[in-house]
N, C-alpha and C. Protein backbone atom coordinates (compact mmCIF):
# COMPACT_ATOMS: atom_id res chain seq x y z
N MET A 1 94.25 117.68 123.97
CA MET A 1 94.76 117.34 122.65
C MET A 1 96.18 117.85 122.48
N ASP A 2 96.72 118.56 123.48
CA ASP A 2 98.08 119.09 123.38
C ASP A 2 99.14 118.00 123.45
N ARG A 3 98.80 116.84 123.98
CA ARG A 3 99.80 115.79 124.12
C ARG A 3 100.11 115.09 122.80
N ILE A 4 99.21 115.17 121.82
CA ILE A 4 99.51 114.63 120.49
C ILE A 4 100.32 115.68 119.77
N LYS A 5 101.58 115.39 119.51
CA LYS A 5 102.50 116.39 118.97
C LYS A 5 102.30 116.62 117.48
N TYR A 6 102.46 115.60 116.67
CA TYR A 6 102.34 115.76 115.23
C TYR A 6 102.18 114.41 114.57
N ALA A 7 101.65 114.42 113.37
CA ALA A 7 101.48 113.21 112.58
C ALA A 7 102.78 112.84 111.90
N ILE A 8 102.95 111.57 111.63
CA ILE A 8 104.14 111.04 110.97
C ILE A 8 103.80 110.75 109.52
N PHE A 9 104.61 111.27 108.59
CA PHE A 9 104.41 111.04 107.17
C PHE A 9 105.65 110.36 106.59
N THR A 10 105.67 109.04 106.66
CA THR A 10 106.74 108.24 106.08
C THR A 10 106.14 107.27 105.09
N ASP A 11 106.98 106.49 104.44
CA ASP A 11 106.48 105.48 103.49
C ASP A 11 105.59 104.46 104.20
N LYS A 12 106.03 104.01 105.36
CA LYS A 12 105.25 103.02 106.10
C LYS A 12 103.92 103.59 106.57
N SER A 13 103.93 104.82 107.09
CA SER A 13 102.68 105.40 107.58
C SER A 13 101.70 105.66 106.44
N SER A 14 102.19 105.98 105.24
CA SER A 14 101.27 106.17 104.11
C SER A 14 100.67 104.84 103.67
N ARG A 15 101.41 103.74 103.81
CA ARG A 15 100.84 102.41 103.52
C ARG A 15 99.80 102.03 104.57
N LEU A 16 100.04 102.43 105.82
CA LEU A 16 99.10 102.08 106.89
C LEU A 16 97.79 102.84 106.78
N VAL A 17 97.80 104.03 106.18
CA VAL A 17 96.56 104.80 106.01
C VAL A 17 95.58 104.03 105.13
N GLU A 18 96.10 103.26 104.17
CA GLU A 18 95.23 102.44 103.33
C GLU A 18 94.53 101.36 104.14
N LYS A 19 95.13 100.93 105.26
CA LYS A 19 94.54 99.93 106.15
C LYS A 19 93.75 100.58 107.29
N ASN A 20 93.50 101.89 107.18
CA ASN A 20 92.76 102.66 108.18
C ASN A 20 93.52 102.74 109.51
N GLN A 21 94.86 102.87 109.43
CA GLN A 21 95.72 103.05 110.59
C GLN A 21 96.47 104.37 110.46
N TYR A 22 96.53 105.12 111.54
CA TYR A 22 97.15 106.45 111.53
C TYR A 22 98.28 106.50 112.54
N THR A 23 99.37 107.18 112.19
CA THR A 23 100.57 107.23 113.01
C THR A 23 100.85 108.66 113.46
N SER A 24 101.21 108.82 114.74
CA SER A 24 101.59 110.14 115.23
C SER A 24 102.49 109.98 116.46
N ASN A 25 103.16 111.05 116.84
CA ASN A 25 103.99 111.09 118.03
C ASN A 25 103.22 111.78 119.15
N VAL A 26 103.35 111.25 120.36
CA VAL A 26 102.71 111.84 121.53
C VAL A 26 103.76 111.99 122.63
N GLU A 27 103.43 112.74 123.67
CA GLU A 27 104.33 112.88 124.80
C GLU A 27 104.51 111.54 125.49
N SER A 28 105.67 111.31 126.06
CA SER A 28 105.99 110.01 126.63
C SER A 28 105.17 109.70 127.88
N GLY A 29 104.62 110.70 128.56
CA GLY A 29 103.85 110.46 129.78
C GLY A 29 102.41 110.08 129.54
N SER A 30 101.96 110.05 128.30
CA SER A 30 100.57 109.74 127.99
C SER A 30 100.35 108.23 128.00
N THR A 31 99.16 107.82 128.45
CA THR A 31 98.81 106.40 128.44
C THR A 31 97.93 106.11 127.23
N LYS A 32 97.82 104.82 126.91
CA LYS A 32 97.01 104.42 125.76
C LYS A 32 95.54 104.78 125.95
N THR A 33 95.02 104.62 127.16
CA THR A 33 93.61 104.93 127.39
C THR A 33 93.33 106.42 127.26
N GLU A 34 94.26 107.26 127.73
CA GLU A 34 94.10 108.71 127.57
C GLU A 34 94.08 109.10 126.10
N ILE A 35 95.03 108.57 125.34
CA ILE A 35 95.12 108.90 123.92
C ILE A 35 93.89 108.41 123.17
N LYS A 36 93.43 107.21 123.48
CA LYS A 36 92.23 106.68 122.84
C LYS A 36 91.03 107.57 123.13
N HIS A 37 90.89 108.01 124.36
CA HIS A 37 89.78 108.89 124.74
C HIS A 37 89.86 110.21 123.99
N TRP A 38 91.05 110.82 123.91
CA TRP A 38 91.22 112.10 123.22
C TRP A 38 90.88 111.98 121.74
N VAL A 39 91.38 110.91 121.09
CA VAL A 39 91.14 110.74 119.65
C VAL A 39 89.66 110.54 119.39
N GLU A 40 88.99 109.70 120.17
CA GLU A 40 87.56 109.46 119.97
C GLU A 40 86.75 110.72 120.23
N LEU A 41 87.10 111.49 121.24
CA LEU A 41 86.37 112.70 121.58
C LEU A 41 86.61 113.81 120.57
N PHE A 42 87.87 114.04 120.21
CA PHE A 42 88.22 115.16 119.36
C PHE A 42 87.82 114.94 117.90
N PHE A 43 88.06 113.74 117.36
CA PHE A 43 87.78 113.47 115.95
C PHE A 43 86.44 112.80 115.71
N GLY A 44 85.78 112.30 116.76
CA GLY A 44 84.49 111.65 116.60
C GLY A 44 84.58 110.33 115.85
N VAL A 45 85.58 109.52 116.18
CA VAL A 45 85.79 108.23 115.52
C VAL A 45 85.78 107.12 116.56
N LYS A 46 85.74 105.87 116.11
CA LYS A 46 85.82 104.71 116.99
C LYS A 46 87.16 104.02 116.79
N VAL A 47 87.91 103.87 117.87
CA VAL A 47 89.23 103.25 117.82
C VAL A 47 89.09 101.77 118.16
N ILE A 48 89.63 100.91 117.28
CA ILE A 48 89.63 99.47 117.52
C ILE A 48 90.84 99.07 118.36
N ALA A 49 92.04 99.52 117.93
CA ALA A 49 93.27 99.11 118.61
C ALA A 49 94.29 100.23 118.55
N MET A 50 95.25 100.16 119.48
CA MET A 50 96.35 101.12 119.51
C MET A 50 97.63 100.36 119.81
N ASN A 51 98.66 100.64 119.05
CA ASN A 51 100.00 100.11 119.30
C ASN A 51 100.92 101.29 119.56
N SER A 52 101.86 101.12 120.48
CA SER A 52 102.79 102.22 120.76
C SER A 52 104.17 101.67 121.07
N HIS A 53 105.17 102.48 120.84
CA HIS A 53 106.54 102.15 121.22
C HIS A 53 107.32 103.44 121.43
N ARG A 54 108.38 103.32 122.24
CA ARG A 54 109.24 104.47 122.50
C ARG A 54 110.32 104.53 121.44
N LEU A 55 110.56 105.72 120.96
CA LEU A 55 111.61 105.92 119.98
C LEU A 55 112.95 106.03 120.70
N PRO A 56 114.04 105.54 120.09
CA PRO A 56 115.35 105.69 120.74
C PRO A 56 115.79 107.14 120.74
N ARG A 57 116.45 107.55 121.81
CA ARG A 57 116.93 108.93 121.91
C ARG A 57 118.15 109.10 121.02
N LYS A 58 118.27 110.26 120.43
CA LYS A 58 119.42 110.57 119.59
C LYS A 58 120.28 111.60 120.30
N GLY A 59 121.58 111.43 120.22
CA GLY A 59 122.50 112.35 120.87
C GLY A 59 122.70 113.61 120.03
N ARG A 60 122.77 114.74 120.71
CA ARG A 60 123.04 116.02 120.06
C ARG A 60 124.16 116.71 120.84
N ARG A 61 125.17 117.17 120.13
CA ARG A 61 126.30 117.82 120.77
C ARG A 61 126.21 119.32 120.56
N MET A 62 126.41 120.06 121.66
CA MET A 62 126.49 121.52 121.60
C MET A 62 127.82 121.90 122.24
N GLY A 63 128.87 121.97 121.42
CA GLY A 63 130.20 122.23 121.95
C GLY A 63 130.69 121.01 122.71
N PRO A 64 131.20 121.20 123.92
CA PRO A 64 131.70 120.05 124.68
C PRO A 64 130.58 119.28 125.41
N ILE A 65 129.38 119.81 125.39
CA ILE A 65 128.28 119.21 126.15
C ILE A 65 127.48 118.29 125.25
N MET A 66 127.23 117.07 125.72
CA MET A 66 126.45 116.10 124.97
C MET A 66 125.03 116.09 125.54
N GLY A 67 124.04 116.28 124.67
CA GLY A 67 122.65 116.27 125.09
C GLY A 67 121.86 115.24 124.30
N HIS A 68 120.55 115.23 124.50
CA HIS A 68 119.68 114.29 123.81
C HIS A 68 118.47 115.02 123.25
N THR A 69 117.84 114.40 122.25
CA THR A 69 116.62 114.96 121.68
C THR A 69 115.45 114.70 122.62
N MET A 70 114.30 115.30 122.30
CA MET A 70 113.10 115.09 123.11
C MET A 70 112.67 113.63 123.00
N HIS A 71 112.07 113.12 124.05
CA HIS A 71 111.66 111.72 124.09
C HIS A 71 110.16 111.62 123.87
N TYR A 72 109.74 111.02 122.76
CA TYR A 72 108.34 110.86 122.44
C TYR A 72 107.99 109.39 122.31
N ARG A 73 106.70 109.10 122.32
CA ARG A 73 106.19 107.78 122.00
C ARG A 73 105.51 107.87 120.65
N ARG A 74 105.63 106.82 119.85
CA ARG A 74 104.93 106.77 118.57
C ARG A 74 103.75 105.82 118.72
N ILE A 75 102.57 106.27 118.26
CA ILE A 75 101.38 105.43 118.35
C ILE A 75 100.85 105.17 116.96
N ILE A 76 100.27 103.99 116.79
CA ILE A 76 99.57 103.62 115.57
C ILE A 76 98.14 103.30 115.98
N ILE A 77 97.19 104.11 115.48
CA ILE A 77 95.79 103.99 115.85
C ILE A 77 95.05 103.29 114.73
N THR A 78 94.32 102.22 115.06
CA THR A 78 93.50 101.51 114.08
C THR A 78 92.04 101.90 114.31
N LEU A 79 91.38 102.38 113.26
CA LEU A 79 89.99 102.82 113.35
C LEU A 79 89.06 101.78 112.75
N GLN A 80 87.79 101.85 113.16
CA GLN A 80 86.77 101.00 112.56
C GLN A 80 86.58 101.38 111.10
N PRO A 81 86.18 100.43 110.26
CA PRO A 81 85.92 100.76 108.85
C PRO A 81 84.85 101.84 108.73
N GLY A 82 85.07 102.77 107.81
CA GLY A 82 84.12 103.86 107.60
C GLY A 82 84.52 105.15 108.29
N TYR A 83 85.45 105.10 109.23
CA TYR A 83 85.93 106.29 109.92
C TYR A 83 87.29 106.70 109.36
N SER A 84 87.59 107.99 109.44
CA SER A 84 88.90 108.48 109.03
C SER A 84 89.23 109.73 109.82
N ILE A 85 90.52 110.04 109.88
CA ILE A 85 91.01 111.22 110.59
C ILE A 85 91.58 112.17 109.55
N PRO A 86 91.23 113.46 109.61
CA PRO A 86 91.86 114.41 108.68
C PRO A 86 93.34 114.54 109.03
N PRO A 87 94.17 114.95 108.07
CA PRO A 87 95.60 115.06 108.33
C PRO A 87 95.89 116.04 109.47
N LEU A 88 96.79 115.62 110.37
CA LEU A 88 97.22 116.50 111.46
C LEU A 88 98.33 117.38 110.96
N ARG A 89 98.74 118.37 111.76
CA ARG A 89 99.78 119.29 111.32
C ARG A 89 101.12 118.55 111.22
N LYS A 90 101.93 118.97 110.27
CA LYS A 90 103.23 118.37 110.07
C LYS A 90 104.26 119.05 110.95
N LYS A 91 105.29 118.30 111.31
CA LYS A 91 106.39 118.87 112.08
C LYS A 91 107.25 119.72 111.16
N ARG A 92 107.55 120.92 111.60
CA ARG A 92 108.42 121.80 110.80
C ARG A 92 109.85 121.53 111.15
N THR A 93 110.70 121.42 110.13
CA THR A 93 112.11 121.14 110.40
C THR A 93 112.96 122.30 109.98
């Protein structure tokens, strides 16, 4: 369960919760089948579908050196009706 980093709380993700869809960021090396297995095992729910996409990297400058932010994948998990996931921890900024 360490590969699921944190839940996403945006306007779009709050609208998707009404449709029984949950959004979170995971490590980029994780596959859809691994994530589906972890979610079903850890939360005891049934996953219907999963959508994922890679987020664009953002540049960060530290003096003369140009770096990039961490690279994550964002997943949207659709659950069967009647199942729900409790809120995951929020990212601290």
